[in-house]
Protein backbone atom coordinates (compact mmCIF):
# COMPACT_ATOMS: atom_id res chain seq x y z
CA UNK A 1 3.61 18.18 29.13
CA UNK A 2 1.07 16.73 31.79
CA UNK A 3 -0.95 14.61 28.52
CA UNK A 4 1.72 12.04 29.17
CA UNK A 5 0.30 9.05 30.63
CA UNK A 6 0.83 5.45 30.83
CA UNK A 7 -0.90 3.45 27.95
CA UNK A 8 -2.97 1.27 29.99
CA UNK A 9 -4.30 4.92 31.34
CA UNK A 10 -4.85 6.51 27.73
CA UNK A 11 -6.71 3.61 26.16
CA UNK A 12 -9.23 4.16 29.39
CA UNK A 13 -10.67 7.12 26.57
CA UNK A 14 -12.07 3.88 24.62
CA UNK A 15 -15.74 3.18 25.59
CA UNK A 16 -18.01 0.40 24.76
CA UNK A 17 -19.41 0.93 21.18
CA UNK A 18 -16.29 3.14 19.78
CA UNK A 19 -14.80 3.09 16.45
CA UNK A 20 -10.85 3.22 16.80
CA UNK A 21 -8.70 4.14 14.06
CA UNK A 22 -5.45 2.54 13.97
CA UNK A 23 -2.26 4.24 12.32
CA UNK A 24 -0.77 1.83 9.34
CA UNK A 25 2.10 0.23 7.95
CA UNK A 26 5.73 0.61 10.39
CA UNK A 27 3.74 2.93 12.20
CA UNK A 28 1.58 0.51 13.93
CA UNK A 29 1.48 1.81 17.56
CA UNK A 30 1.38 -1.55 19.31
CA UNK A 31 1.46 -0.43 22.40
CA UNK A 32 -1.83 1.21 22.18
CA UNK A 33 -3.55 -1.86 20.48
CA UNK A 34 -1.99 -4.04 23.15
CA UNK A 35 -2.73 -2.22 26.06
CA UNK A 36 -6.72 -1.72 24.51
CA UNK A 37 -6.62 -5.34 24.17
CA UNK A 38 -6.26 -6.27 27.29
CA UNK A 39 -9.56 -4.05 28.20
CA UNK A 40 -11.80 -6.86 26.82
CA UNK A 41 -13.48 -8.10 29.41
CA UNK A 42 -14.66 -4.83 29.79
CA UNK A 43 -15.20 -3.75 26.59
CA UNK A 44 -18.60 -4.33 24.18
CA UNK A 45 -18.63 -3.81 20.19
CA UNK A 46 -15.86 -1.89 19.81
CA UNK A 47 -15.27 -1.37 15.90
CA UNK A 48 -11.11 -0.96 15.00
CA UNK A 49 -10.78 0.17 12.27
CA UNK A 50 -7.11 0.30 9.86
CA UNK A 51 -5.05 0.08 6.76
CA UNK A 52 -2.40 -3.29 6.89
CA UNK A 53 0.15 -2.94 10.27
CA UNK A 54 2.38 -4.51 11.31
CA UNK A 55 3.11 -5.98 14.49
CA UNK A 56 0.65 -8.45 16.79
CA UNK A 57 -2.74 -7.81 16.30
CA UNK A 58 -3.98 -9.19 19.90
CA UNK A 59 -7.48 -7.91 19.80
CA UNK A 60 -7.92 -9.59 16.57
CA UNK A 61 -8.28 -13.11 18.55
CA UNK A 62 -11.16 -14.50 17.53
CA UNK A 63 -12.10 -15.18 21.61
CA UNK A 64 -12.54 -11.67 21.76
CA UNK A 65 -15.34 -11.40 19.31
CA UNK A 66 -17.89 -9.42 22.13
CA UNK A 67 -15.37 -6.68 22.39
CA UNK A 68 -13.78 -6.14 19.12
CA UNK A 69 -14.74 -6.32 15.70
CA UNK A 70 -12.06 -5.73 13.14
CA UNK A 71 -12.55 -4.01 9.72
CA UNK A 72 -9.84 -3.52 7.37
CA UNK A 73 -9.93 -1.03 4.61
CA UNK A 74 -6.41 -3.09 2.87
CA UNK A 75 -6.49 -7.05 4.63
CA UNK A 76 -2.93 -7.36 6.14
CA UNK A 77 -1.41 -10.92 7.73
CA UNK A 78 -2.18 -10.45 11.88
CA UNK A 79 -5.57 -10.21 10.59
CA UNK A 80 -6.83 -11.99 7.78
CA UNK A 81 -8.17 -14.79 9.77
CA UNK A 82 -10.78 -12.34 11.13
CA UNK A 83 -12.67 -12.64 7.65
CA UNK A 84 -13.36 -16.89 8.41
CA UNK A 85 -13.67 -16.63 11.82
CA UNK A 86 -16.50 -13.91 11.67
CA UNK A 87 -14.79 -10.82 14.01
CA UNK A 88 -13.79 -8.95 10.99
CA UNK A 89 -15.25 -7.37 8.06
CA UNK A 90 -13.49 -6.01 4.72
CA UNK A 91 -14.13 -2.23 3.49
CA UNK A 92 -13.63 -1.75 0.00
CA UNK A 93 -12.26 1.47 -0.75
CA UNK A 94 -10.01 2.91 -3.06
CA UNK A 95 -6.39 4.34 -0.73
CA UNK A 96 -7.23 7.87 -2.15
CA UNK A 97 -10.84 7.87 -0.99
CA UNK A 98 -10.05 6.84 2.65
CA UNK A 99 -10.06 10.05 3.95
CA UNK A 100 -13.18 11.33 2.61
CA UNK A 101 -14.69 8.30 4.27
CA UNK A 102 -13.69 10.60 7.44
CA UNK A 103 -14.08 13.69 6.27
CA UNK A 104 -17.75 12.84 4.43
CA UNK A 105 -18.72 11.38 7.79
CA UNK A 106 -19.48 8.64 5.82
CA UNK A 107 -17.14 6.39 8.85
CA UNK A 108 -17.97 8.56 11.95
CA UNK A 109 -14.27 8.04 14.12
CA UNK A 110 -14.21 8.65 18.55
CA UNK A 111 -10.55 7.29 18.81
CA UNK A 112 -7.40 7.56 16.50
CA UNK A 113 -4.48 5.95 17.87
CA UNK A 114 -1.00 6.91 16.14
CA UNK A 115 3.04 7.15 16.43
CA UNK A 116 4.63 9.97 15.91
CA UNK A 117 8.05 11.76 16.80
CA UNK A 118 9.00 13.27 20.00
CA UNK A 119 7.84 17.10 20.11
CA UNK A 120 9.89 19.55 18.84
CA UNK A 121 10.95 22.96 20.42
CA UNK A 122 7.45 24.52 19.22
CA UNK A 123 5.84 21.54 20.25
CA UNK A 124 5.03 19.76 16.49
CA UNK A 125 5.40 16.16 16.29
CA UNK A 126 5.56 14.07 12.94
CA UNK A 127 3.44 10.99 11.95
CA UNK A 128 6.66 9.86 10.17
CA UNK A 129 6.77 6.91 7.92
CA UNK A 130 2.55 6.34 7.54
CA UNK A 131 0.73 9.37 6.78
CA UNK A 132 -1.94 7.68 4.58
CA UNK A 133 -5.58 9.04 6.01
CA UNK A 134 -3.84 9.73 9.66
CA UNK A 135 -4.66 13.22 9.51
CA UNK A 136 -8.40 12.94 8.18
CA UNK A 137 -8.79 10.73 11.11
CA UNK A 138 -6.95 12.77 13.42
CA UNK A 139 -9.30 16.03 12.21
CA UNK A 140 -12.56 13.97 12.53
CA UNK A 141 -12.07 11.70 15.25
CA UNK A 142 -13.27 12.85 19.00
CA UNK A 143 -10.09 11.87 20.64
CA UNK A 144 -6.50 11.38 19.87
CA UNK A 145 -3.96 8.93 21.76
CA UNK A 146 -0.14 8.75 20.17
CA UNK A 147 2.68 6.77 20.77
CA UNK A 148 5.46 9.32 20.95
CA UNK A 149 8.60 6.80 19.78
CA UNK A 150 12.62 8.18 19.86
CA UNK A 151 12.94 6.47 16.68
CA UNK A 152 10.27 7.85 14.95
CA UNK A 153 12.06 9.67 11.93
CA UNK A 154 11.04 13.29 11.47
CA UNK A 155 9.60 13.44 7.55
CA UNK A 156 8.37 16.75 5.53
CA UNK A 157 4.73 17.07 4.14
CA UNK A 158 1.37 16.74 5.86
CA UNK A 159 2.75 14.80 8.68
CA UNK A 160 3.07 17.50 11.13
CA UNK A 161 1.21 17.71 14.08
CA UNK A 162 0.76 19.99 17.28
CA UNK A 163 1.01 18.59 20.86
CA UNK A 164 -2.12 20.51 21.46
CA UNK A 165 -3.90 18.06 18.75
CA UNK A 166 -3.32 14.84 21.30
CA UNK A 167 -5.21 14.26 23.82
CA UNK A 168 -2.82 11.81 25.67
CA UNK A 169 0.43 11.02 25.06
CA UNK A 170 2.36 7.71 25.70
CA UNK A 171 6.38 7.39 25.59
CA UNK A 172 7.88 4.51 24.20
CA UNK A 173 11.54 3.46 22.99
CA UNK A 174 10.89 0.41 20.48
CA UNK A 175 12.28 0.48 17.19
CA UNK A 176 10.11 0.81 14.05
CA UNK A 177 8.60 -2.66 12.24
CA UNK A 178 10.89 -3.23 9.43
CA UNK A 179 11.62 -4.84 6.79
CA UNK A 180 15.35 -6.23 5.36
CA UNK A 181 15.88 -6.14 1.68
CA UNK A 182 14.71 -9.76 0.15
CA UNK A 183 17.22 -11.25 -2.43
CA UNK A 184 15.59 -11.94 -5.97
CA UNK A 185 15.11 -15.00 -7.99
CA UNK A 186 16.26 -15.36 -10.92
CA UNK A 187 12.95 -15.22 -12.10
CA UNK A 188 11.81 -11.67 -10.16
CA UNK A 189 15.45 -10.12 -11.80
CA UNK A 190 14.12 -10.95 -15.21
CA UNK A 191 10.80 -9.32 -14.64
CA UNK A 192 12.80 -6.57 -13.09
CA UNK A 193 14.57 -6.33 -16.56
CA UNK A 194 11.63 -6.31 -18.60
CA UNK A 195 10.17 -3.42 -16.57
CA UNK A 196 13.20 -1.39 -16.71
CA UNK A 197 13.61 -1.93 -20.23
CA UNK A 198 10.37 0.47 -20.87
CA UNK A 199 11.25 3.17 -18.09
CA UNK A 200 12.75 6.13 -20.64
CA UNK A 201 14.61 8.68 -19.07
CA UNK A 202 12.66 11.11 -17.29
CA UNK A 203 9.68 9.20 -15.93
CA UNK A 204 8.19 9.15 -12.46
CA UNK A 205 7.78 5.94 -10.95
CA UNK A 206 5.17 4.42 -8.67
CA UNK A 207 5.89 0.76 -7.21
CA UNK A 208 5.56 -0.78 -3.78
CA UNK A 209 7.71 -2.91 -1.92
CA UNK A 210 9.02 -6.49 -2.57
CA UNK A 211 11.04 -7.94 -4.80
CA UNK A 212 10.06 -7.46 -8.12
CA UNK A 213 10.39 -3.32 -7.60
CA UNK A 214 13.78 -3.87 -6.63
CA UNK A 215 14.91 -6.01 -9.10
CA UNK A 216 13.35 -3.33 -11.47
CA UNK A 217 14.76 -0.39 -9.24
CA UNK A 218 18.69 -2.11 -9.05
CA UNK A 219 18.46 -2.39 -13.55
CA UNK A 220 18.05 1.62 -13.58
CA UNK A 221 21.58 2.89 -12.17
CA UNK A 222 22.21 4.01 -15.86
CA UNK A 223 19.17 6.10 -16.26
CA UNK A 224 18.57 9.81 -15.88
CA UNK A 225 16.50 12.51 -13.63
CA UNK A 226 13.81 10.02 -13.08
CA UNK A 227 11.18 11.05 -10.48
CA UNK A 228 9.19 8.91 -8.18
CA UNK A 229 5.38 10.22 -6.78
CA UNK A 230 4.18 6.63 -5.29
CA UNK A 231 1.90 5.22 -2.86
CA UNK A 232 5.03 3.79 -0.52
CA UNK A 233 8.43 2.80 -1.13
CA UNK A 234 11.08 0.87 0.21
CA UNK A 235 14.96 0.83 0.20
CA UNK A 236 15.46 0.02 -3.09
CA UNK A 237 15.19 3.38 -3.99
CA UNK A 238 17.67 4.77 -1.66
CA UNK A 239 20.74 3.86 -3.95
CA UNK A 240 19.58 5.51 -7.22
CA UNK A 241 18.15 9.02 -4.87
CA UNK A 242 22.12 8.95 -3.85
CA UNK A 243 23.10 8.52 -7.35
CA UNK A 244 21.51 11.33 -8.68
CA UNK A 245 19.29 8.97 -10.66
CA UNK A 246 16.36 9.77 -9.25
CA UNK A 247 16.22 13.47 -8.53
CA UNK A 248 12.51 14.43 -9.15
CA UNK A 249 13.56 17.12 -11.68
CA UNK A 250 10.89 16.22 -14.49
CA UNK A 251 8.23 15.77 -12.67
CA UNK A 252 4.62 17.70 -13.35
CA UNK A 253 4.11 18.06 -9.79
CA UNK A 254 5.98 18.21 -6.40
CA UNK A 255 9.03 18.73 -8.88
CA UNK A 256 12.59 18.07 -6.71
CA UNK A 257 10.64 16.39 -4.08
CA UNK A 258 9.79 12.45 -3.83
CA UNK A 259 6.29 11.85 -2.84
CA UNK A 260 4.42 8.91 -0.66
CA UNK A 261 2.19 8.99 1.73
CA UNK A 262 3.57 5.74 4.05
CA UNK A 263 7.12 3.98 3.53
CA UNK A 264 8.26 0.54 4.75
CA UNK A 265 11.69 -0.93 5.19
CA UNK A 266 14.53 -1.54 6.79
CA UNK A 267 16.33 0.71 10.03
CA UNK A 268 18.64 2.71 6.99
CA UNK A 269 14.99 3.83 5.23
CA UNK A 270 14.15 5.01 7.81
CA UNK A 271 17.81 6.97 8.69
CA UNK A 272 17.70 8.00 5.14
CA UNK A 273 14.02 9.96 5.29
CA UNK A 274 15.08 11.41 9.00
CA UNK A 275 14.84 15.61 8.42
CA UNK A 276 15.16 14.58 4.58
CA UNK A 277 13.57 17.55 2.77
CA UNK A 278 13.23 15.94 -0.12
CA UNK A 279 11.54 13.10 0.79
CA UNK A 280 7.81 14.66 1.15
CA UNK A 281 5.18 12.22 3.17
CA UNK A 282 1.54 13.77 1.62
CA UNK A 283 -2.04 12.43 2.57
CA UNK A 284 -3.26 9.36 0.18
CA UNK A 285 -6.22 11.96 -0.84
CA UNK A 286 -3.21 14.11 -2.47
CA UNK A 287 -0.79 11.36 -3.68
CA UNK A 288 -2.97 8.98 -4.81
CA UNK A 289 -5.07 11.37 -6.75
CA UNK A 290 -5.75 10.35 -10.35
CA UNK A 291 -5.41 14.38 -11.16
CA UNK A 292 -2.21 15.12 -9.70
CA UNK A 293 -0.62 11.54 -10.99
CA UNK A 294 -1.47 11.59 -14.46
CA UNK A 295 0.52 15.43 -14.49
CA UNK A 296 3.65 14.17 -14.27
CA UNK A 297 4.89 13.41 -17.92
CA UNK A 298 6.24 9.43 -18.38
CA UNK A 299 4.30 8.32 -15.42
CA UNK A 300 4.70 4.49 -14.90
CA UNK A 301 2.50 2.69 -12.37
CA UNK A 302 4.39 -0.83 -11.90
CA UNK A 303 1.53 -2.86 -10.04
CA UNK A 304 1.12 -6.50 -8.57
CA UNK A 305 -1.41 -9.29 -8.82
CA UNK A 306 -3.10 -12.41 -7.87
CA UNK A 307 -4.16 -13.58 -11.30
CA UNK A 308 -4.64 -12.27 -14.54
CA UNK A 309 -7.24 -13.54 -17.20
CA UNK A 310 -6.03 -14.01 -20.84
CA UNK A 311 -8.28 -10.91 -21.92
CA UNK A 312 -6.43 -8.61 -18.94
CA UNK A 313 -8.34 -8.85 -15.75
CA UNK A 314 -6.69 -8.39 -12.76
CA UNK A 315 -7.76 -9.95 -9.52
CA UNK A 316 -5.22 -8.43 -6.91
CA UNK A 317 -7.54 -8.32 -3.92
CA UNK A 318 -8.60 -12.17 -3.03
CA UNK A 319 -8.01 -15.74 -4.22
CA UNK A 320 -11.39 -16.57 -5.43
CA UNK A 321 -14.19 -15.24 -2.75
CA UNK A 322 -11.50 -15.59 0.02
CA UNK A 323 -10.50 -11.75 0.62
CA UNK A 324 -6.72 -11.57 0.93
CA UNK A 325 -5.63 -7.48 0.74
CA UNK A 326 -7.50 -5.33 -0.81
CA UNK A 327 -7.62 -2.68 -3.86
CA UNK A 328 -5.46 -0.17 -2.11
CA UNK A 329 -3.47 2.44 -4.37
CA UNK A 330 -3.94 0.12 -7.09
CA UNK A 331 -6.69 1.77 -9.82
CA UNK A 332 -5.24 5.19 -8.63
CA UNK A 333 -2.31 4.85 -9.75
CA UNK A 334 -3.05 2.79 -13.05
CA UNK A 335 -5.53 5.18 -14.01
CA UNK A 336 -2.98 8.39 -13.39
CA UNK A 337 -0.56 6.47 -15.70
CA UNK A 338 -2.57 5.65 -18.54
CA UNK A 339 -3.81 9.42 -18.82
CA UNK A 340 0.26 10.53 -18.16
CA UNK A 341 1.59 12.13 -21.46
CA UNK A 342 3.53 9.24 -22.43
CA UNK A 343 2.96 6.92 -19.23
CA UNK A 344 2.57 2.87 -19.09
CA UNK A 345 0.67 0.86 -16.57
CA UNK A 346 2.35 -2.22 -16.25
CA UNK A 347 1.27 -5.07 -13.83
CA UNK A 348 4.03 -7.27 -13.22
CA UNK A 349 3.99 -10.82 -11.09
CA UNK A 350 5.66 -14.03 -11.69
CA UNK A 351 4.11 -16.80 -13.99
CA UNK A 352 3.36 -19.70 -11.48
CA UNK A 353 2.61 -19.32 -7.45
CA UNK A 354 4.81 -21.61 -5.37
CA UNK A 355 2.52 -24.36 -6.08
CA UNK A 356 3.39 -24.02 -9.78
CA UNK A 357 -0.25 -22.72 -10.57
CA UNK A 358 -0.79 -20.28 -13.30
CA UNK A 359 -1.01 -16.73 -12.49
CA UNK A 360 -1.71 -16.01 -15.89
CA UNK A 361 -5.41 -18.30 -16.42
CA UNK A 362 -8.20 -18.34 -18.52
CA UNK A 363 -11.02 -16.96 -16.61
CA UNK A 364 -10.72 -15.49 -12.83
CA UNK A 365 -11.91 -17.96 -10.24
CA UNK A 366 -15.12 -18.02 -9.15
CA UNK A 367 -15.75 -15.01 -7.05
CA UNK A 368 -12.87 -13.16 -7.78
CA UNK A 369 -13.16 -9.63 -7.55
CA UNK A 370 -11.89 -7.66 -10.86
CA UNK A 371 -9.40 -4.10 -9.08
CA UNK A 372 -8.14 -3.11 -12.39
CA UNK A 373 -10.23 -3.75 -15.68
CA UNK A 374 -9.14 -5.42 -19.11
CA UNK A 375 -9.58 -1.47 -20.37
CA UNK A 376 -6.75 -0.21 -18.33
CA UNK A 377 -3.72 -2.11 -18.45
CA UNK A 378 -1.19 -1.09 -20.78
CA UNK A 379 1.30 -4.26 -20.21
CA UNK A 380 1.75 -7.19 -18.04
CA UNK A 381 5.03 -8.38 -17.63
CA UNK A 382 6.19 -12.07 -16.34
CA UNK A 383 9.65 -13.92 -16.55
CA UNK A 384 8.46 -15.11 -19.99
CA UNK A 385 7.98 -11.74 -21.68
CA UNK A 386 6.21 -8.68 -22.45
CA UNK A 387 2.46 -8.84 -23.12
CA UNK A 388 1.23 -5.34 -24.64
CA UNK A 389 -2.66 -4.95 -24.13
CA UNK A 390 -3.13 -1.66 -25.31
CA UNK A 391 -5.55 -1.13 -28.16
CA UNK A 392 -5.86 -5.00 -28.85
CA UNK A 393 -8.56 -6.56 -29.41
CA UNK A 394 -9.63 -9.56 -27.23
CA UNK A 395 -8.14 -12.14 -29.47
CA UNK A 396 -5.00 -10.36 -29.85
CA UNK A 397 -4.96 -10.16 -26.09
CA UNK A 398 -5.15 -13.89 -25.21
CA UNK A 399 -2.12 -14.26 -27.47
CA UNK A 400 -0.31 -11.89 -25.58
CA UNK A 401 -1.10 -13.18 -22.59
CA UNK A 402 -0.52 -16.72 -23.68
CA UNK A 403 2.95 -15.97 -24.75
CA UNK A 404 3.90 -14.98 -21.39
CA UNK A 405 2.37 -17.01 -19.03
CA UNK A 406 4.24 -20.51 -18.31
CA UNK A 407 5.35 -22.89 -21.55
CA UNK A 408 3.69 -25.83 -18.47
CA UNK A 409 0.07 -24.18 -18.65
CA UNK A 410 0.17 -22.35 -22.36
CA UNK A 411 -1.69 -24.64 -24.21
CA UNK A 412 -4.47 -25.53 -21.57
CA UNK A 413 -4.70 -21.61 -20.96
CA UNK A 414 -5.56 -21.17 -24.13
CA UNK A 415 -7.94 -23.78 -25.25
CA UNK A 416 -9.35 -23.51 -21.96
CA UNK A 417 -9.86 -19.99 -22.71
CA UNK A 418 -11.50 -20.47 -26.41
CA UNK A 419 -13.54 -23.72 -24.81
CA UNK A 420 -15.36 -21.46 -22.44
CA UNK A 421 -16.01 -18.73 -25.20
CA UNK A 422 -17.42 -20.92 -27.93
CA UNK A 423 -19.71 -22.63 -25.37
CA UNK A 424 -22.08 -19.60 -24.69
């Protein structure tokens, strides 16, 4: 217990030229990152790397560029500005492979910041709502610093760490970062209804956070024996688990357990997963492993996109050449679902942006990245219907995708595509 120190004392372990990994999502240890940022005048060339994080990121202030550089494996809103400002960069990597970057010493780590539950009687803490690549980071970093928070749920699975593996502990008592459930729009409800129509009893689901996944989940109350094997989940699954709709009894692996690598939602979600053995939190190298995902029969992967071209190419990480988010686990699950017996790979998105621009496009914007190729997708869904692309020729795909574009854009999209093809 003599490892307990103040945040200011703990972050003195970080030296100029170090690389620091920060635990992701709702578990972001912002007391530590704030304390580190306050040392900016003492430090130079510290790289701070992480996936999407929640809360303020003061180290990402471009005025501190001499002290800190942000290296994002998935770009969150709080650090997106760093790429343009020059004090940040993006490293593309599948979420399934991020732990390997640490274990193979491709990315060397000096310090890792984590947030854990208080140690139990045996000295074990829990990483709670975010395991992702943190286990590999802990195993390979020279120093481990932990925020200890009584509000962090204790979860089962890989995220159990003994106090002996932690160099410094900093007591905090703060709420875990939460997202309340937002109501879904009429268009999102239509998309959810279309998604639900493709889901059979005994399917295993992968879906993320947001109104479209919640809309789809709300339509599944009469389904039976569903499973959950997903990169992350939010509040939308709670009612289905409590009603016995999601029981995970028909999964191919980890039967009887809902599998995830991180969680983000409301306090209700965090209370639900606390000490709940039905929820199994595993490292992303396991949860997002295509070879494991495909073992679930009727695996359904539901992901979103920024735009989809009429041949089925999916851009999900950038707006043109401007990086917006990251590769994440989309390809891990799209491929796993495609190879699953009876599986379905789905991209779901509104047909237009808030500005009225079409998200079904004749061709991707200049500089846009292809996260998921045209060969991988089975279905694309908008509020206007379902485009079934599996086994379809390019011309058939164009017909399918134009049909689900917004009616005001359909003719223009089709003409623009064929004008381009015929001009080559």
